[in-house]
PDB file of N, CA and C in Angstrom:
ATOM      1  N   MET A   1     -38.125 -18.699 -18.008  1.00  0.00           N
ATOM      2  CA  MET A   1     -36.785 -18.500 -17.534  1.00  0.00           C
ATOM      3  C   MET A   1     -35.850 -18.496 -18.742  1.00  0.00           C
ATOM      4  N   PHE A   2     -34.917 -17.556 -18.713  1.00  0.00           N
ATOM      5  CA  PHE A   2     -33.989 -17.421 -19.826  1.00  0.00           C
ATOM      6  C   PHE A   2     -32.707 -18.190 -19.538  1.00  0.00           C
ATOM      7  N   PHE A   3     -32.294 -18.950 -20.512  1.00  0.00           N
ATOM      8  CA  PHE A   3     -31.034 -19.667 -20.410  1.00  0.00           C
ATOM      9  C   PHE A   3     -30.090 -19.101 -21.458  1.00  0.00           C
ATOM     10  N   PHE A   4     -28.927 -18.723 -21.027  1.00  0.00           N
ATOM     11  CA  PHE A   4     -27.950 -18.205 -21.973  1.00  0.00           C
ATOM     12  C   PHE A   4     -26.570 -18.739 -21.601  1.00  0.00           C
ATOM     13  N   SER A   5     -25.701 -18.695 -22.576  1.00  0.00           N
ATOM     14  CA  SER A   5     -24.353 -19.205 -22.369  1.00  0.00           C
ATOM     15  C   SER A   5     -23.512 -18.162 -21.640  1.00  0.00           C
ATOM     16  N   LYS A   6     -22.733 -18.605 -20.691  1.00  0.00           N
ATOM     17  CA  LYS A   6     -21.864 -17.707 -19.944  1.00  0.00           C
ATOM     18  C   LYS A   6     -20.492 -17.578 -20.599  1.00  0.00           C
ATOM     19  N   ALA A   7     -20.272 -18.293 -21.676  1.00  0.00           N
ATOM     20  CA  ALA A   7     -18.975 -18.278 -22.353  1.00  0.00           C
ATOM     21  C   ALA A   7     -18.589 -16.889 -22.863  1.00  0.00           C
ATOM     22  N   PRO A   8     -19.497 -16.124 -23.492  1.00  0.00           N
ATOM     23  CA  PRO A   8     -19.089 -14.788 -23.959  1.00  0.00           C
ATOM     24  C   PRO A   8     -18.683 -13.863 -22.801  1.00  0.00           C
ATOM     25  N   ILE A   9     -19.366 -13.974 -21.686  1.00  0.00           N
ATOM     26  CA  ILE A   9     -19.026 -13.137 -20.528  1.00  0.00           C
ATOM     27  C   ILE A   9     -17.665 -13.539 -19.977  1.00  0.00           C
ATOM     28  N   ALA A  10     -17.429 -14.842 -19.888  1.00  0.00           N
ATOM     29  CA  ALA A  10     -16.141 -15.333 -19.388  1.00  0.00           C
ATOM     30  C   ALA A  10     -15.012 -14.919 -20.324  1.00  0.00           C
ATOM     31  N   THR A  11     -15.242 -14.988 -21.618  1.00  0.00           N
ATOM     32  CA  THR A  11     -14.225 -14.589 -22.589  1.00  0.00           C
ATOM     33  C   THR A  11     -13.924 -13.098 -22.478  1.00  0.00           C
ATOM     34  N   ALA A  12     -14.968 -12.289 -22.341  1.00  0.00           N
ATOM     35  CA  ALA A  12     -14.775 -10.847 -22.204  1.00  0.00           C
ATOM     36  C   ALA A  12     -13.983 -10.518 -20.940  1.00  0.00           C
ATOM     37  N   LEU A  13     -14.298 -11.173 -19.834  1.00  0.00           N
ATOM     38  CA  LEU A  13     -13.579 -10.923 -18.592  1.00  0.00           C
ATOM     39  C   LEU A  13     -12.124 -11.373 -18.691  1.00  0.00           C
ATOM     40  N   LEU A  14     -11.887 -12.492 -19.342  1.00  0.00           N
ATOM     41  CA  LEU A  14     -10.519 -12.967 -19.523  1.00  0.00           C
ATOM     42  C   LEU A  14      -9.714 -11.993 -20.375  1.00  0.00           C
ATOM     43  N   ASN A  15     -10.303 -11.499 -21.445  1.00  0.00           N
ATOM     44  CA  ASN A  15      -9.616 -10.528 -22.301  1.00  0.00           C
ATOM     45  C   ASN A  15      -9.345  -9.231 -21.545  1.00  0.00           C
ATOM     46  N   LEU A  16     -10.274  -8.814 -20.731  1.00  0.00           N
ATOM     47  CA  LEU A  16     -10.102  -7.601 -19.923  1.00  0.00           C
ATOM     48  C   LEU A  16      -8.941  -7.772 -18.951  1.00  0.00           C
ATOM     49  N   ARG A  17      -8.884  -8.930 -18.323  1.00  0.00           N
ATOM     50  CA  ARG A  17      -7.797  -9.221 -17.377  1.00  0.00           C
ATOM     51  C   ARG A  17      -6.456  -9.243 -18.093  1.00  0.00           C
ATOM     52  N   LYS A  18      -6.389  -9.899 -19.250  1.00  0.00           N
ATOM     53  CA  LYS A  18      -5.137  -9.975 -20.010  1.00  0.00           C
ATOM     54  C   LYS A  18      -4.680  -8.582 -20.436  1.00  0.00           C
ATOM     55  N   TYR A  19      -5.611  -7.726 -20.819  1.00  0.00           N
ATOM     56  CA  TYR A  19      -5.251  -6.378 -21.260  1.00  0.00           C
ATOM     57  C   TYR A  19      -4.623  -5.583 -20.120  1.00  0.00           C
ATOM     58  N   TYR A  20      -5.247  -5.618 -18.958  1.00  0.00           N
ATOM     59  CA  TYR A  20      -4.748  -4.803 -17.855  1.00  0.00           C
ATOM     60  C   TYR A  20      -3.547  -5.416 -17.147  1.00  0.00           C
ATOM     61  N   CYS A  21      -3.290  -6.694 -17.334  1.00  0.00           N
ATOM     62  CA  CYS A  21      -2.101  -7.326 -16.740  1.00  0.00           C
ATOM     63  C   CYS A  21      -0.814  -6.784 -17.351  1.00  0.00           C
ATOM     64  N   GLN A  22      -0.881  -6.264 -18.561  1.00  0.00           N
ATOM     65  CA  GLN A  22       0.321  -5.715 -19.177  1.00  0.00           C
ATOM     66  C   GLN A  22       0.791  -4.448 -18.464  1.00  0.00           C
ATOM     67  N   PHE A  23      -0.097  -3.770 -17.755  1.00  0.00           N
ATOM     68  CA  PHE A  23       0.262  -2.554 -17.036  1.00  0.00           C
ATOM     69  C   PHE A  23       0.675  -2.822 -15.599  1.00  0.00           C
ATOM     70  N   LEU A  24       0.562  -4.037 -15.147  1.00  0.00           N
ATOM     71  CA  LEU A  24       0.838  -4.377 -13.753  1.00  0.00           C
ATOM     72  C   LEU A  24       2.280  -4.100 -13.328  1.00  0.00           C
ATOM     73  N   PRO A  25       3.306  -4.475 -14.103  1.00  0.00           N
ATOM     74  CA  PRO A  25       4.672  -4.173 -13.669  1.00  0.00           C
ATOM     75  C   PRO A  25       4.937  -2.672 -13.528  1.00  0.00           C
ATOM     76  N   ALA A  26       4.431  -1.886 -14.451  1.00  0.00           N
ATOM     77  CA  ALA A  26       4.632  -0.436 -14.365  1.00  0.00           C
ATOM     78  C   ALA A  26       3.921   0.139 -13.137  1.00  0.00           C
ATOM     79  N   ALA A  27       2.734  -0.353 -12.853  1.00  0.00           N
ATOM     80  CA  ALA A  27       1.997   0.118 -11.679  1.00  0.00           C
ATOM     81  C   ALA A  27       2.703  -0.298 -10.392  1.00  0.00           C
ATOM     82  N   ASP A  28       3.221  -1.519 -10.343  1.00  0.00           N
ATOM     83  CA  ASP A  28       3.955  -1.976  -9.158  1.00  0.00           C
ATOM     84  C   ASP A  28       5.213  -1.144  -8.928  1.00  0.00           C
ATOM     85  N   ASN A  29       5.932  -0.837 -10.007  1.00  0.00           N
ATOM     86  CA  ASN A  29       7.135  -0.009  -9.879  1.00  0.00           C
ATOM     87  C   ASN A  29       6.795   1.386  -9.367  1.00  0.00           C
ATOM     88  N   ARG A  30       5.733   1.954  -9.875  1.00  0.00           N
ATOM     89  CA  ARG A  30       5.330   3.306  -9.453  1.00  0.00           C
ATOM     90  C   ARG A  30       4.901   3.301  -7.985  1.00  0.00           C
ATOM     91  N   ILE A  31       4.158   2.305  -7.588  1.00  0.00           N
ATOM     92  CA  ILE A  31       3.724   2.199  -6.188  1.00  0.00           C
ATOM     93  C   ILE A  31       4.929   2.045  -5.276  1.00  0.00           C
ATOM     94  N   ALA A  32       5.895   1.221  -5.674  1.00  0.00           N
ATOM     95  CA  ALA A  32       7.098   1.036  -4.858  1.00  0.00           C
ATOM     96  C   ALA A  32       7.899   2.325  -4.756  1.00  0.00           C
ATOM     97  N   ALA A  33       7.989   3.059  -5.872  1.00  0.00           N
ATOM     98  CA  ALA A  33       8.740   4.323  -5.864  1.00  0.00           C
ATOM     99  C   ALA A  33       8.075   5.354  -4.957  1.00  0.00           C
ATOM    100  N   LEU A  34       6.761   5.377  -4.935  1.00  0.00           N
ATOM    101  CA  LEU A  34       6.053   6.329  -4.079  1.00  0.00           C
ATOM    102  C   LEU A  34       6.021   5.874  -2.628  1.00  0.00           C
ATOM    103  N   ARG A  35       6.083   4.576  -2.401  1.00  0.00           N
ATOM    104  CA  ARG A  35       5.984   4.037  -1.049  1.00  0.00           C
ATOM    105  C   ARG A  35       7.292   4.188  -0.265  1.00  0.00           C
ATOM    106  N   ASN A  36       8.440   4.075  -0.931  1.00  0.00           N
ATOM    107  CA  ASN A  36       9.720   4.079  -0.231  1.00  0.00           C
ATOM    108  C   ASN A  36       9.959   5.319   0.626  1.00  0.00           C
ATOM    109  N   PRO A  37       9.766   6.538   0.120  1.00  0.00           N
ATOM    110  CA  PRO A  37       9.991   7.702   0.990  1.00  0.00           C
ATOM    111  C   PRO A  37       9.010   7.765   2.166  1.00  0.00           C
ATOM    112  N   ILE A  38       7.787   7.321   1.936  1.00  0.00           N
ATOM    113  CA  ILE A  38       6.792   7.337   3.011  1.00  0.00           C
ATOM    114  C   ILE A  38       7.182   6.340   4.099  1.00  0.00           C
ATOM    115  N   GLU A  39       7.615   5.141   3.702  1.00  0.00           N
ATOM    116  CA  GLU A  39       8.039   4.146   4.686  1.00  0.00           C
ATOM    117  C   GLU A  39       9.259   4.628   5.461  1.00  0.00           C
ATOM    118  N   LYS A  40      10.172   5.309   4.785  1.00  0.00           N
ATOM    119  CA  LYS A  40      11.371   5.826   5.454  1.00  0.00           C
ATOM    120  C   LYS A  40      10.983   6.866   6.504  1.00  0.00           C
ATOM    121  N   ASP A  41      10.110   7.793   6.140  1.00  0.00           N
ATOM    122  CA  ASP A  41       9.652   8.801   7.098  1.00  0.00           C
ATOM    123  C   ASP A  41       8.914   8.164   8.263  1.00  0.00           C
ATOM    124  N   LEU A  42       8.116   7.163   7.982  1.00  0.00           N
ATOM    125  CA  LEU A  42       7.362   6.496   9.034  1.00  0.00           C
ATOM    126  C   LEU A  42       8.290   5.764   9.999  1.00  0.00           C
ATOM    127  N   LYS A  43       9.325   5.111   9.477  1.00  0.00           N
ATOM    128  CA  LYS A  43      10.278   4.425  10.348  1.00  0.00           C
ATOM    129  C   LYS A  43      11.020   5.425  11.229  1.00  0.00           C
ATOM    130  N   ASN A  44      11.381   6.571  10.660  1.00  0.00           N
ATOM    131  CA  ASN A  44      12.046   7.605  11.465  1.00  0.00           C
ATOM    132  C   ASN A  44      11.108   8.141  12.535  1.00  0.00           C
ATOM    133  N   PHE A  45       9.853   8.293  12.218  1.00  0.00           N
ATOM    134  CA  PHE A  45       8.887   8.785  13.188  1.00  0.00           C
ATOM    135  C   PHE A  45       8.716   7.791  14.333  1.00  0.00           C
ATOM    136  N   VAL A  46       8.682   6.512  14.005  1.00  0.00           N
ATOM    137  CA  VAL A  46       8.522   5.488  15.035  1.00  0.00           C
ATOM    138  C   VAL A  46       9.730   5.487  15.960  1.00  0.00           C
ATOM    139  N   LYS A  47      10.923   5.701  15.406  1.00  0.00           N
ATOM    140  CA  LYS A  47      12.123   5.769  16.240  1.00  0.00           C
ATOM    141  C   LYS A  47      12.036   6.929  17.223  1.00  0.00           C
ATOM    142  N   ILE A  48      11.506   8.057  16.790  1.00  0.00           N
ATOM    143  CA  ILE A  48      11.387   9.227  17.654  1.00  0.00           C
ATOM    144  C   ILE A  48      10.314   8.998  18.715  1.00  0.00           C
ATOM    145  N   ALA A  49       9.257   8.321  18.352  1.00  0.00           N
ATOM    146  CA  ALA A  49       8.122   8.166  19.252  1.00  0.00           C
ATOM    147  C   ALA A  49       8.354   7.124  20.339  1.00  0.00           C
ATOM    148  N   LYS A  50       9.375   6.283  20.209  1.00  0.00           N
ATOM    149  CA  LYS A  50       9.631   5.267  21.224  1.00  0.00           C
ATOM    150  C   LYS A  50      10.383   5.871  22.402  1.00  0.00           C
ATOM    151  N   TRP A  51      10.035   5.415  23.560  1.00  0.00           N
ATOM    152  CA  TRP A  51      10.783   5.815  24.741  1.00  0.00           C
ATOM    153  C   TRP A  51      10.653   4.750  25.812  1.00  0.00           C
ATOM    154  N   ASN A  52      11.625   4.720  26.687  1.00  0.00           N
ATOM    155  CA  ASN A  52      11.625   3.760  27.774  1.00  0.00           C
ATOM    156  C   ASN A  52      11.631   4.477  29.116  1.00  0.00           C
ATOM    157  N   ASP A  53      11.449   5.767  29.067  1.00  0.00           N
ATOM    158  CA  ASP A  53      11.487   6.558  30.293  1.00  0.00           C
ATOM    159  C   ASP A  53      10.128   6.553  30.972  1.00  0.00           C
ATOM    160  N   ILE A  54      10.142   6.496  32.278  1.00  0.00           N
ATOM    161  CA  ILE A  54       8.907   6.549  33.046  1.00  0.00           C
ATOM    162  C   ILE A  54       8.657   7.970  33.533  1.00  0.00           C
ATOM    163  N   ASN A  55       9.707   8.759  33.565  1.00  0.00           N
ATOM    164  CA  ASN A  55       9.612  10.132  34.024  1.00  0.00           C
ATOM    165  C   ASN A  55       8.693  10.938  33.093  1.00  0.00           C
ATOM    166  N   PHE A  56       7.771  11.675  33.648  1.00  0.00           N
ATOM    167  CA  PHE A  56       6.811  12.458  32.864  1.00  0.00           C
ATOM    168  C   PHE A  56       7.517  13.473  31.976  1.00  0.00           C
ATOM    169  N   TYR A  57       8.512  14.166  32.510  1.00  0.00           N
ATOM    170  CA  TYR A  57       9.193  15.218  31.749  1.00  0.00           C
ATOM    171  C   TYR A  57      10.046  14.638  30.616  1.00  0.00           C
ATOM    172  N   ALA A  58      10.611  13.465  30.834  1.00  0.00           N
ATOM    173  CA  ALA A  58      11.367  12.811  29.771  1.00  0.00           C
ATOM    174  C   ALA A  58      10.441  12.405  28.631  1.00  0.00           C
ATOM    175  N   VAL A  59       9.270  11.900  28.969  1.00  0.00           N
ATOM    176  CA  VAL A  59       8.273  11.526  27.944  1.00  0.00           C
ATOM    177  C   VAL A  59       7.808  12.778  27.211  1.00  0.00           C
ATOM    178  N   LYS A  60       7.573  13.848  27.932  1.00  0.00           N
ATOM    179  CA  LYS A  60       7.127  15.104  27.333  1.00  0.00           C
ATOM    180  C   LYS A  60       8.170  15.629  26.356  1.00  0.00           C
ATOM    181  N   ASP A  61       9.451  15.558  26.734  1.00  0.00           N
ATOM    182  CA  ASP A  61      10.515  16.000  25.832  1.00  0.00           C
ATOM    183  C   ASP A  61      10.601  15.106  24.598  1.00  0.00           C
ATOM    184  N   SER A  62      10.401  13.814  24.769  1.00  0.00           N
ATOM    185  CA  SER A  62      10.424  12.879  23.635  1.00  0.00           C
ATOM    186  C   SER A  62       9.300  13.193  22.656  1.00  0.00           C
ATOM    187  N   ILE A  63       8.139  13.530  23.172  1.00  0.00           N
ATOM    188  CA  ILE A  63       7.011  13.873  22.315  1.00  0.00           C
ATOM    189  C   ILE A  63       7.271  15.172  21.571  1.00  0.00           C
ATOM    190  N   ALA A  64       7.922  16.120  22.250  1.00  0.00           N
ATOM    191  CA  ALA A  64       8.208  17.413  21.628  1.00  0.00           C
ATOM    192  C   ALA A  64       9.183  17.269  20.471  1.00  0.00           C
ATOM    193  N   LYS A  65      10.090  16.279  20.560  1.00  0.00           N
ATOM    194  CA  LYS A  65      11.050  16.073  19.473  1.00  0.00           C
ATOM    195  C   LYS A  65      10.325  15.542  18.259  1.00  0.00           C
TER     196      LYS A  65
END
């Protein structure tokens, strides 16, 4: 059975994490910028899709909008 130290692997993973953490704020900003228009469109769609009418034709017209 081979015994080896896990310290070099842990150090490499820590360095990898530290390197990519510097890009995290830029990635978060980009994701937020791309997400905002999609969320706005989705909220508008949900407003259109809601109805309280029981009448079949009123529901049909709501769906058509």
